[in-house]
Amino acid sequence: MFAFLSIRTIIAIVALAIMMMSGVPTAQAGDVHVRGYTRSNGTYVEPHVRSAPDGIVENNYSYGR
């Protein structure tokens, strides 16, 4: 069945499958990666991931804390 695939391809597929099943954190489709920046008062904000702005409060990461 996999005779036409190279060993490297098979290893890559198996590794990807293991990562997907092991719960390795990945970004969701609605996530926004924010680069680090410095505020006008000099405070540095570290890079982070936030939910995409869509006007729905209930699907924000901080909702219900």
C-alpha atoms as a PDB file:
ATOM      1  CA  MET A   1       0.000   0.000   0.000  1.00  0.00           C
ATOM      2  CA  PHE A   2       2.743   2.473   0.949  1.00  0.00           C
ATOM      3  CA  ALA A   3       5.364   1.019  -1.390  1.00  0.00           C
ATOM      4  CA  PHE A   4       5.389   4.147  -3.553  1.00  0.00           C
ATOM      5  CA  LEU A   5       6.161   6.478  -0.612  1.00  0.00           C
ATOM      6  CA  SER A   6       9.705   7.111   0.541  1.00  0.00           C
ATOM      7  CA  ILE A   7      10.782   6.300   4.077  1.00  0.00           C
ATOM      8  CA  ARG A   8      11.131  10.033   4.854  1.00  0.00           C
ATOM      9  CA  THR A   9       7.558  10.677   3.740  1.00  0.00           C
ATOM     10  CA  ILE A  10       6.223   7.823   5.859  1.00  0.00           C
ATOM     11  CA  ILE A  11       8.169   9.038   8.914  1.00  0.00           C
ATOM     12  CA  ALA A  12       6.871  12.584   8.397  1.00  0.00           C
ATOM     13  CA  ILE A  13       3.275  11.348   8.137  1.00  0.00           C
ATOM     14  CA  VAL A  14       3.613   9.211  11.278  1.00  0.00           C
ATOM     15  CA  ALA A  15       5.237  12.073  13.213  1.00  0.00           C
ATOM     16  CA  LEU A  16       2.469  14.468  12.176  1.00  0.00           C
ATOM     17  CA  ALA A  17      -0.197  11.950  13.192  1.00  0.00           C
ATOM     18  CA  ILE A  18       1.445  11.455  16.602  1.00  0.00           C
ATOM     19  CA  MET A  19       1.627  15.222  17.183  1.00  0.00           C
ATOM     20  CA  MET A  20      -2.014  15.667  16.238  1.00  0.00           C
ATOM     21  CA  MET A  21      -3.156  12.890  18.574  1.00  0.00           C
ATOM     22  CA  SER A  22      -0.900  13.851  21.484  1.00  0.00           C
ATOM     23  CA  GLY A  23      -2.554  17.174  22.183  1.00  0.00           C
ATOM     24  CA  VAL A  24       0.305  19.373  21.027  1.00  0.00           C
ATOM     25  CA  PRO A  25      -1.154  22.880  21.272  1.00  0.00           C
ATOM     26  CA  THR A  26      -1.892  24.414  17.908  1.00  0.00           C
ATOM     27  CA  ALA A  27      -3.476  27.710  16.946  1.00  0.00           C
ATOM     28  CA  GLN A  28      -7.170  27.609  16.154  1.00  0.00           C
ATOM     29  CA  ALA A  29      -8.543  28.999  12.904  1.00  0.00           C
ATOM     30  CA  GLY A  30      -9.854  32.130  14.638  1.00  0.00           C
ATOM     31  CA  ASP A  31      -6.608  32.935  16.438  1.00  0.00           C
ATOM     32  CA  VAL A  32      -4.516  36.034  15.849  1.00  0.00           C
ATOM     33  CA  HIS A  33      -0.792  36.010  16.616  1.00  0.00           C
ATOM     34  CA  VAL A  34       0.184  39.384  18.065  1.00  0.00           C
ATOM     35  CA  ARG A  35       3.798  40.522  17.881  1.00  0.00           C
ATOM     36  CA  GLY A  36       5.441  42.055  20.917  1.00  0.00           C
ATOM     37  CA  TYR A  37       5.261  45.825  21.128  1.00  0.00           C
ATOM     38  CA  THR A  38       6.012  48.755  23.435  1.00  0.00           C
ATOM     39  CA  ARG A  39       3.135  50.895  24.683  1.00  0.00           C
ATOM     40  CA  SER A  40       3.355  54.669  24.752  1.00  0.00           C
ATOM     41  CA  ASN A  41       4.030  54.534  28.523  1.00  0.00           C
ATOM     42  CA  GLY A  42       7.090  52.317  27.962  1.00  0.00           C
ATOM     43  CA  THR A  43       5.527  48.998  28.994  1.00  0.00           C
ATOM     44  CA  TYR A  44       6.570  46.062  26.810  1.00  0.00           C
ATOM     45  CA  VAL A  45       3.779  43.671  25.824  1.00  0.00           C
ATOM     46  CA  GLU A  46       5.093  40.191  25.022  1.00  0.00           C
ATOM     47  CA  PRO A  47       4.008  38.320  21.879  1.00  0.00           C
ATOM     48  CA  HIS A  48       0.808  36.369  22.429  1.00  0.00           C
ATOM     49  CA  VAL A  49      -2.165  34.689  20.766  1.00  0.00           C
ATOM     50  CA  ARG A  50      -5.653  36.138  21.055  1.00  0.00           C
ATOM     51  CA  SER A  51      -9.033  35.284  19.609  1.00  0.00           C
ATOM     52  CA  ALA A  52      -9.942  37.011  16.358  1.00  0.00           C
ATOM     53  CA  PRO A  53     -12.186  40.053  16.725  1.00  0.00           C
ATOM     54  CA  ASP A  54     -15.649  39.053  15.544  1.00  0.00           C
ATOM     55  CA  GLY A  55     -18.036  40.923  17.842  1.00  0.00           C
ATOM     56  CA  ILE A  56     -19.048  37.804  19.811  1.00  0.00           C
ATOM     57  CA  VAL A  57     -18.043  38.146  23.470  1.00  0.00           C
ATOM     58  CA  GLU A  58     -18.725  34.518  24.394  1.00  0.00           C
ATOM     59  CA  ASN A  59     -15.973  33.074  22.173  1.00  0.00           C
ATOM     60  CA  ASN A  60     -13.166  35.222  23.582  1.00  0.00           C
ATOM     61  CA  TYR A  61     -10.444  33.478  25.614  1.00  0.00           C
ATOM     62  CA  SER A  62     -11.034  35.721  28.638  1.00  0.00           C
ATOM     63  CA  TYR A  63     -14.830  35.280  28.694  1.00  0.00           C
ATOM     64  CA  GLY A  64     -16.098  33.807  31.954  1.00  0.00           C
ATOM     65  CA  ARG A  65     -12.916  34.268  34.004  1.00  0.00           C
END
